């Protein structure tokens, strides 16, 4: 199947890890991820009323361990500044990176096209705080690639 790109925009909150956890909970509850459901070809989990009831149950599935969910569920933690990106982590766009890419530290939705191209590998995510016209944090953009 190959890796799939995914992206989400959520309301801003100062704790990026809490925002990630809430987003993962929502995506899981809605079944908005790929799941084989005992079949050879993965489908949207929402197509299966008997899909896993917990994330533990989902990730205990051998097919999920091998192929992932092709969604935000495949990443689990936002890195702190200075931490090295690793499998399943989300790296925030730094102020320096934002300036280099866009000329400003206050990213907005207008910068999404530029940001979308900076992910460098599968099974890894990025995130950026997006600001409104007055410069106040308004949303968080999560994106990346995962799945096999």
N, C-alpha and C. Protein backbone atom coordinates (compact mmCIF):
# COMPACT_ATOMS: atom_id res chain seq x y z
N UNK A 1 0.82 -1.19 0.00
CA UNK A 1 0.00 0.00 0.00
C UNK A 1 0.86 1.26 0.00
N UNK A 2 1.98 1.26 0.72
CA UNK A 2 2.84 2.44 0.80
C UNK A 2 2.39 3.41 1.86
N UNK A 3 3.26 4.33 2.20
CA UNK A 3 2.94 5.32 3.23
C UNK A 3 1.87 6.28 2.73
N UNK A 4 1.09 6.78 3.68
CA UNK A 4 0.05 7.76 3.38
C UNK A 4 0.33 9.06 4.09
N UNK A 5 0.07 10.17 3.41
CA UNK A 5 0.17 11.47 4.04
C UNK A 5 -1.10 11.77 4.80
N UNK A 6 -0.97 12.47 5.90
CA UNK A 6 -2.14 12.87 6.69
C UNK A 6 -1.89 14.26 7.24
N UNK A 7 -2.98 14.98 7.48
CA UNK A 7 -2.87 16.31 8.07
C UNK A 7 -4.17 16.64 8.80
N UNK A 8 -4.03 17.41 9.86
CA UNK A 8 -5.15 17.80 10.71
C UNK A 8 -4.89 19.20 11.23
N UNK A 9 -5.95 19.96 11.41
CA UNK A 9 -5.88 21.27 12.07
C UNK A 9 -6.83 21.22 13.24
N UNK A 10 -6.32 21.57 14.43
CA UNK A 10 -7.12 21.57 15.65
C UNK A 10 -7.03 22.94 16.31
N UNK A 11 -7.95 23.20 17.21
CA UNK A 11 -7.93 24.46 17.96
C UNK A 11 -6.64 24.55 18.77
N UNK A 12 -6.14 25.77 18.92
CA UNK A 12 -4.90 25.98 19.66
C UNK A 12 -5.11 25.71 21.15
N UNK A 13 -4.10 25.10 21.72
CA UNK A 13 -3.93 25.05 23.17
C UNK A 13 -2.43 25.05 23.42
N UNK A 14 -1.99 25.60 24.54
CA UNK A 14 -0.55 25.77 24.76
C UNK A 14 0.23 24.45 24.85
N UNK A 15 -0.41 23.39 25.33
CA UNK A 15 0.28 22.10 25.50
C UNK A 15 0.09 21.27 24.23
N UNK A 16 1.14 21.21 23.40
CA UNK A 16 1.05 20.50 22.13
C UNK A 16 0.82 19.01 22.32
N UNK A 17 1.38 18.43 23.37
CA UNK A 17 1.16 17.00 23.65
C UNK A 17 -0.31 16.73 23.98
N UNK A 18 -0.93 17.62 24.76
CA UNK A 18 -2.36 17.45 25.06
C UNK A 18 -3.19 17.59 23.80
N UNK A 19 -2.83 18.51 22.93
CA UNK A 19 -3.55 18.67 21.66
C UNK A 19 -3.41 17.40 20.82
N UNK A 20 -2.21 16.83 20.78
CA UNK A 20 -2.00 15.58 20.04
C UNK A 20 -2.84 14.46 20.63
N UNK A 21 -2.83 14.32 21.95
CA UNK A 21 -3.60 13.26 22.59
C UNK A 21 -5.09 13.39 22.29
N UNK A 22 -5.61 14.61 22.37
CA UNK A 22 -7.04 14.84 22.09
C UNK A 22 -7.36 14.52 20.63
N UNK A 23 -6.48 14.90 19.72
CA UNK A 23 -6.68 14.61 18.31
C UNK A 23 -6.65 13.10 18.07
N UNK A 24 -5.70 12.41 18.65
CA UNK A 24 -5.62 10.96 18.50
C UNK A 24 -6.89 10.29 19.03
N UNK A 25 -7.37 10.74 20.19
CA UNK A 25 -8.61 10.19 20.75
C UNK A 25 -9.77 10.39 19.80
N UNK A 26 -9.87 11.58 19.21
CA UNK A 26 -10.96 11.88 18.29
C UNK A 26 -10.89 11.01 17.03
N UNK A 27 -9.71 10.91 16.44
CA UNK A 27 -9.53 10.12 15.22
C UNK A 27 -9.86 8.65 15.50
N UNK A 28 -9.42 8.15 16.64
CA UNK A 28 -9.72 6.76 17.00
C UNK A 28 -11.22 6.56 17.17
N UNK A 29 -11.86 7.45 17.92
CA UNK A 29 -13.30 7.32 18.18
C UNK A 29 -14.12 7.38 16.89
N UNK A 30 -13.70 8.23 15.96
CA UNK A 30 -14.42 8.38 14.69
C UNK A 30 -14.09 7.27 13.70
N UNK A 31 -13.06 6.47 13.99
CA UNK A 31 -12.66 5.42 13.05
C UNK A 31 -12.04 5.99 11.79
N UNK A 32 -11.43 7.16 11.91
CA UNK A 32 -10.85 7.85 10.75
C UNK A 32 -9.40 7.43 10.54
N UNK A 33 -9.20 6.13 10.38
CA UNK A 33 -7.87 5.57 10.14
C UNK A 33 -8.05 4.27 9.37
N UNK A 34 -6.96 3.76 8.80
CA UNK A 34 -7.01 2.52 8.03
C UNK A 34 -6.84 1.34 8.97
N UNK A 35 -7.66 0.31 8.73
CA UNK A 35 -7.59 -0.92 9.53
C UNK A 35 -7.97 -2.09 8.64
N UNK A 36 -7.18 -3.15 8.69
CA UNK A 36 -7.42 -4.30 7.82
C UNK A 36 -8.69 -5.05 8.20
N UNK A 37 -9.08 -5.03 9.46
CA UNK A 37 -10.32 -5.68 9.86
C UNK A 37 -10.37 -7.15 9.52
N UNK A 38 -9.21 -7.79 9.53
CA UNK A 38 -9.17 -9.21 9.20
C UNK A 38 -9.13 -9.49 7.71
N UNK A 39 -9.15 -8.45 6.90
CA UNK A 39 -9.09 -8.62 5.44
C UNK A 39 -7.69 -8.30 4.95
N UNK A 40 -7.42 -8.68 3.73
CA UNK A 40 -6.10 -8.41 3.16
C UNK A 40 -5.90 -6.94 2.81
N UNK A 41 -6.97 -6.25 2.45
CA UNK A 41 -6.87 -4.85 2.04
C UNK A 41 -7.44 -3.96 3.15
N UNK A 42 -6.63 -3.06 3.70
CA UNK A 42 -7.14 -2.18 4.75
C UNK A 42 -8.26 -1.27 4.24
N UNK A 43 -9.16 -0.95 5.11
CA UNK A 43 -10.25 -0.04 4.83
C UNK A 43 -10.36 0.94 5.98
N UNK A 44 -11.19 1.96 5.80
CA UNK A 44 -11.44 2.89 6.90
C UNK A 44 -12.04 2.11 8.06
N UNK A 45 -11.50 2.31 9.24
CA UNK A 45 -11.99 1.59 10.42
C UNK A 45 -13.47 1.88 10.66
N UNK A 46 -13.92 3.05 10.26
CA UNK A 46 -15.34 3.39 10.46
C UNK A 46 -16.26 2.47 9.67
N UNK A 47 -15.73 1.72 8.69
CA UNK A 47 -16.52 0.75 7.93
C UNK A 47 -16.82 -0.51 8.74
N UNK A 48 -16.18 -0.65 9.90
CA UNK A 48 -16.31 -1.87 10.70
C UNK A 48 -16.95 -1.56 12.06
N UNK A 49 -18.17 -1.97 12.29
CA UNK A 49 -18.77 -1.74 13.61
C UNK A 49 -18.05 -2.52 14.71
N UNK A 50 -17.34 -3.59 14.35
CA UNK A 50 -16.63 -4.40 15.34
C UNK A 50 -15.13 -4.06 15.42
N UNK A 51 -14.76 -2.85 14.99
CA UNK A 51 -13.35 -2.46 15.04
C UNK A 51 -12.86 -2.45 16.50
N UNK A 52 -11.56 -2.40 16.73
CA UNK A 52 -11.04 -2.40 18.09
C UNK A 52 -11.67 -1.30 18.96
N UNK A 53 -11.92 -1.66 20.21
CA UNK A 53 -12.59 -0.74 21.13
C UNK A 53 -11.61 0.15 21.89
N UNK A 54 -10.34 -0.22 21.90
CA UNK A 54 -9.31 0.57 22.58
C UNK A 54 -8.09 0.68 21.67
N UNK A 55 -7.27 1.69 21.93
CA UNK A 55 -6.04 1.82 21.14
C UNK A 55 -5.10 0.65 21.44
N UNK A 56 -5.09 0.16 22.67
CA UNK A 56 -4.26 -1.00 22.98
C UNK A 56 -4.67 -2.19 22.11
N UNK A 57 -5.97 -2.43 22.03
CA UNK A 57 -6.46 -3.52 21.19
C UNK A 57 -6.06 -3.29 19.72
N UNK A 58 -6.19 -2.06 19.26
CA UNK A 58 -5.81 -1.74 17.89
C UNK A 58 -4.34 -2.06 17.64
N UNK A 59 -3.47 -1.58 18.52
CA UNK A 59 -2.03 -1.76 18.29
C UNK A 59 -1.52 -3.13 18.69
N UNK A 60 -2.36 -3.96 19.30
CA UNK A 60 -2.02 -5.37 19.52
C UNK A 60 -2.21 -6.18 18.24
N UNK A 61 -2.94 -5.63 17.28
CA UNK A 61 -3.20 -6.29 15.99
C UNK A 61 -1.89 -6.34 15.19
N UNK A 62 -1.48 -7.54 14.79
CA UNK A 62 -0.22 -7.70 14.07
C UNK A 62 -0.18 -6.90 12.77
N UNK A 63 -1.30 -6.84 12.06
CA UNK A 63 -1.34 -6.08 10.80
C UNK A 63 -1.10 -4.59 11.07
N UNK A 64 -1.62 -4.07 12.17
CA UNK A 64 -1.41 -2.67 12.52
C UNK A 64 0.04 -2.44 12.92
N UNK A 65 0.61 -3.39 13.64
CA UNK A 65 2.02 -3.26 14.03
C UNK A 65 2.92 -3.19 12.80
N UNK A 66 2.57 -3.92 11.76
CA UNK A 66 3.39 -3.95 10.55
C UNK A 66 3.09 -2.80 9.59
N UNK A 67 1.82 -2.45 9.46
CA UNK A 67 1.41 -1.49 8.43
C UNK A 67 0.94 -0.16 8.97
N UNK A 68 0.69 -0.06 10.25
CA UNK A 68 0.21 1.19 10.82
C UNK A 68 -1.23 1.48 10.48
N UNK A 69 -1.64 2.70 10.79
CA UNK A 69 -3.03 3.12 10.56
C UNK A 69 -3.13 4.21 9.50
N UNK A 70 -2.00 4.65 8.98
CA UNK A 70 -1.99 5.71 7.95
C UNK A 70 -2.69 6.96 8.47
N UNK A 71 -2.44 7.28 9.74
CA UNK A 71 -3.11 8.42 10.38
C UNK A 71 -2.25 8.95 11.53
N UNK A 72 -2.76 9.95 12.19
CA UNK A 72 -2.11 10.55 13.36
C UNK A 72 -1.93 9.53 14.48
N UNK A 73 -2.67 8.42 14.44
CA UNK A 73 -2.53 7.40 15.47
C UNK A 73 -1.14 6.77 15.46
N UNK A 74 -0.42 6.89 14.35
CA UNK A 74 0.91 6.29 14.23
C UNK A 74 2.01 7.12 14.88
N UNK A 75 1.68 8.27 15.41
CA UNK A 75 2.64 9.06 16.19
C UNK A 75 2.05 9.26 17.59
N UNK A 76 2.92 9.38 18.57
CA UNK A 76 2.41 9.34 19.94
C UNK A 76 2.92 10.44 20.86
N UNK A 77 3.91 11.22 20.43
CA UNK A 77 4.47 12.21 21.35
C UNK A 77 5.06 13.38 20.59
N UNK A 78 4.84 14.60 21.13
CA UNK A 78 5.46 15.81 20.57
C UNK A 78 6.79 16.00 21.28
N UNK A 79 7.82 16.20 20.48
CA UNK A 79 9.17 16.39 21.02
C UNK A 79 9.31 17.75 21.69
N UNK A 80 10.16 17.80 22.70
CA UNK A 80 10.55 19.07 23.31
C UNK A 80 11.70 19.65 22.50
N UNK A 81 11.91 20.93 22.62
CA UNK A 81 13.00 21.59 21.90
C UNK A 81 14.33 20.90 22.22
N UNK A 82 15.11 20.61 21.19
CA UNK A 82 16.41 19.99 21.36
C UNK A 82 16.39 18.47 21.32
N UNK A 83 15.21 17.85 21.40
CA UNK A 83 15.15 16.39 21.31
C UNK A 83 15.32 15.95 19.86
N UNK A 84 15.90 14.78 19.67
CA UNK A 84 16.12 14.23 18.34
C UNK A 84 14.86 13.52 17.86
N UNK A 85 14.39 13.85 16.67
CA UNK A 85 13.22 13.17 16.12
C UNK A 85 13.47 11.67 16.01
N UNK A 86 12.44 10.90 16.32
CA UNK A 86 12.53 9.45 16.28
C UNK A 86 11.20 8.88 15.81
N UNK A 87 11.20 7.61 15.49
CA UNK A 87 10.01 6.89 15.04
C UNK A 87 8.82 7.21 15.94
N UNK A 88 7.71 7.63 15.34
CA UNK A 88 6.49 7.87 16.07
C UNK A 88 6.41 9.18 16.83
N UNK A 89 7.33 10.09 16.57
CA UNK A 89 7.31 11.37 17.27
C UNK A 89 6.90 12.50 16.33
N UNK A 90 6.54 13.62 16.93
CA UNK A 90 6.12 14.81 16.20
C UNK A 90 7.08 15.94 16.57
N UNK A 91 7.68 16.55 15.56
CA UNK A 91 8.61 17.65 15.79
C UNK A 91 7.93 18.98 15.46
N UNK A 92 7.85 19.88 16.44
CA UNK A 92 7.31 21.21 16.15
C UNK A 92 8.24 21.99 15.22
N UNK A 93 7.67 22.83 14.40
CA UNK A 93 8.46 23.75 13.57
C UNK A 93 9.06 24.78 14.52
N UNK A 94 10.37 24.93 14.48
CA UNK A 94 11.05 25.90 15.35
C UNK A 94 10.89 27.31 14.79
N UNK A 95 11.13 28.29 15.64
CA UNK A 95 11.07 29.69 15.21
C UNK A 95 12.08 29.94 14.08
N UNK A 96 13.28 29.40 14.21
CA UNK A 96 14.31 29.59 13.18
C UNK A 96 13.89 28.94 11.87
N UNK A 97 13.32 27.76 11.95
CA UNK A 97 12.86 27.06 10.75
C UNK A 97 11.73 27.84 10.08
N UNK A 98 10.81 28.36 10.89
CA UNK A 98 9.70 29.15 10.35
C UNK A 98 10.22 30.39 9.63
N UNK A 99 11.18 31.10 10.26
CA UNK A 99 11.77 32.30 9.63
C UNK A 99 12.45 31.95 8.31
N UNK A 100 13.21 30.86 8.30
CA UNK A 100 13.93 30.45 7.10
C UNK A 100 12.96 30.10 5.96
N UNK A 101 11.87 29.43 6.31
CA UNK A 101 10.93 28.98 5.28
C UNK A 101 9.97 30.05 4.81
N UNK A 102 9.56 30.94 5.73
CA UNK A 102 8.47 31.87 5.42
C UNK A 102 8.79 33.33 5.66
N UNK A 103 9.90 33.59 6.34
CA UNK A 103 10.24 34.98 6.65
C UNK A 103 9.59 35.50 7.92
N UNK A 104 8.86 34.66 8.62
CA UNK A 104 8.21 35.08 9.86
C UNK A 104 8.16 33.91 10.84
N UNK A 105 8.08 34.24 12.12
CA UNK A 105 7.90 33.21 13.15
C UNK A 105 6.42 32.95 13.41
N UNK A 106 5.56 33.86 13.00
CA UNK A 106 4.12 33.73 13.24
C UNK A 106 3.46 33.12 12.01
N UNK A 107 3.42 31.81 12.00
CA UNK A 107 2.85 31.09 10.88
C UNK A 107 1.33 31.21 10.86
N UNK A 108 0.77 31.19 9.65
CA UNK A 108 -0.67 31.26 9.47
C UNK A 108 -1.08 30.15 8.49
N UNK A 109 -2.38 30.04 8.25
CA UNK A 109 -2.86 29.04 7.28
C UNK A 109 -2.27 29.30 5.88
N UNK A 110 -1.92 30.53 5.59
CA UNK A 110 -1.34 30.84 4.28
C UNK A 110 0.01 30.15 4.08
N UNK A 111 0.65 29.71 5.14
CA UNK A 111 1.96 29.06 5.05
C UNK A 111 1.88 27.54 4.91
N UNK A 112 0.68 26.98 4.93
CA UNK A 112 0.55 25.52 4.91
C UNK A 112 1.23 24.88 3.70
N UNK A 113 1.15 25.49 2.55
CA UNK A 113 1.78 24.94 1.36
C UNK A 113 3.28 24.80 1.50
N UNK A 114 3.91 25.77 2.12
CA UNK A 114 5.36 25.73 2.34
C UNK A 114 5.69 24.67 3.39
N UNK A 115 4.91 24.62 4.44
CA UNK A 115 5.18 23.68 5.52
C UNK A 115 5.02 22.23 5.08
N UNK A 116 4.02 21.98 4.25
CA UNK A 116 3.70 20.61 3.86
C UNK A 116 4.91 19.89 3.26
N UNK A 117 5.85 20.58 2.71
CA UNK A 117 6.99 19.93 2.07
C UNK A 117 8.19 19.68 2.96
N UNK A 118 8.12 19.99 4.25
CA UNK A 118 9.33 19.85 5.08
C UNK A 118 9.41 18.54 5.85
N UNK A 119 8.37 17.70 5.77
CA UNK A 119 8.49 16.41 6.45
C UNK A 119 9.53 15.60 5.69
N UNK A 120 10.34 14.88 6.42
CA UNK A 120 11.51 14.25 5.79
C UNK A 120 11.45 12.73 5.76
N UNK A 121 10.53 12.13 6.49
CA UNK A 121 10.51 10.67 6.53
C UNK A 121 9.15 10.15 6.98
N UNK A 122 8.92 8.88 6.74
CA UNK A 122 7.69 8.23 7.18
C UNK A 122 7.76 7.87 8.66
N UNK A 123 6.60 7.66 9.24
CA UNK A 123 6.46 7.28 10.65
C UNK A 123 6.95 8.39 11.57
N UNK A 124 6.71 9.61 11.14
CA UNK A 124 7.21 10.80 11.83
C UNK A 124 6.27 11.94 11.48
N UNK A 125 5.99 12.82 12.42
CA UNK A 125 5.11 13.93 12.14
C UNK A 125 5.75 15.27 12.44
N UNK A 126 5.09 16.29 12.00
CA UNK A 126 5.48 17.68 12.28
C UNK A 126 4.25 18.41 12.82
N UNK A 127 4.46 19.51 13.48
CA UNK A 127 3.35 20.36 13.89
C UNK A 127 3.80 21.81 13.90
N UNK A 128 2.83 22.70 13.75
CA UNK A 128 3.10 24.13 13.75
C UNK A 128 1.91 24.86 14.35
N UNK A 129 2.20 25.85 15.16
CA UNK A 129 1.16 26.72 15.70
C UNK A 129 0.83 27.74 14.62
N UNK A 130 -0.45 27.87 14.32
CA UNK A 130 -0.92 28.83 13.32
C UNK A 130 -1.57 30.01 14.03
N UNK A 131 -1.31 31.21 13.53
CA UNK A 131 -1.77 32.45 14.16
C UNK A 131 -2.86 33.12 13.33
N UNK A 132 -3.67 33.94 14.01
CA UNK A 132 -4.69 34.71 13.30
C UNK A 132 -4.06 36.01 12.77
N UNK A 133 -4.87 36.85 12.16
CA UNK A 133 -4.38 38.09 11.53
C UNK A 133 -3.75 39.05 12.54
N UNK A 134 -4.15 38.95 13.81
CA UNK A 134 -3.58 39.82 14.85
C UNK A 134 -2.32 39.22 15.48
N UNK A 135 -1.94 38.00 15.06
CA UNK A 135 -0.73 37.37 15.58
C UNK A 135 -0.95 36.49 16.79
N UNK A 136 -2.20 36.24 17.16
CA UNK A 136 -2.49 35.38 18.31
C UNK A 136 -2.57 33.93 17.87
N UNK A 137 -2.05 32.99 18.67
CA UNK A 137 -2.16 31.57 18.33
C UNK A 137 -3.64 31.17 18.21
N UNK A 138 -3.97 30.47 17.13
CA UNK A 138 -5.36 30.12 16.87
C UNK A 138 -5.56 28.62 16.66
N UNK A 139 -4.61 27.97 15.98
CA UNK A 139 -4.76 26.56 15.62
C UNK A 139 -3.40 25.87 15.69
N UNK A 140 -3.45 24.54 15.66
CA UNK A 140 -2.24 23.73 15.55
C UNK A 140 -2.43 22.83 14.34
N UNK A 141 -1.43 22.82 13.49
CA UNK A 141 -1.43 22.00 12.29
C UNK A 141 -0.51 20.81 12.53
N UNK A 142 -1.04 19.59 12.41
CA UNK A 142 -0.27 18.36 12.52
C UNK A 142 -0.25 17.71 11.14
N UNK A 143 0.90 17.21 10.70
CA UNK A 143 0.97 16.52 9.42
C UNK A 143 2.17 15.58 9.39
N UNK A 144 2.11 14.60 8.47
CA UNK A 144 3.19 13.66 8.32
C UNK A 144 2.83 12.54 7.39
N UNK A 145 3.64 11.48 7.42
CA UNK A 145 3.44 10.28 6.61
C UNK A 145 3.62 9.07 7.50
N UNK A 146 2.77 8.06 7.32
CA UNK A 146 2.97 6.80 8.03
C UNK A 146 2.23 5.69 7.32
N UNK A 147 2.54 4.48 7.72
CA UNK A 147 1.93 3.29 7.13
C UNK A 147 2.85 2.67 6.11
N UNK A 148 2.61 1.40 5.87
CA UNK A 148 3.39 0.67 4.86
C UNK A 148 2.44 -0.03 3.91
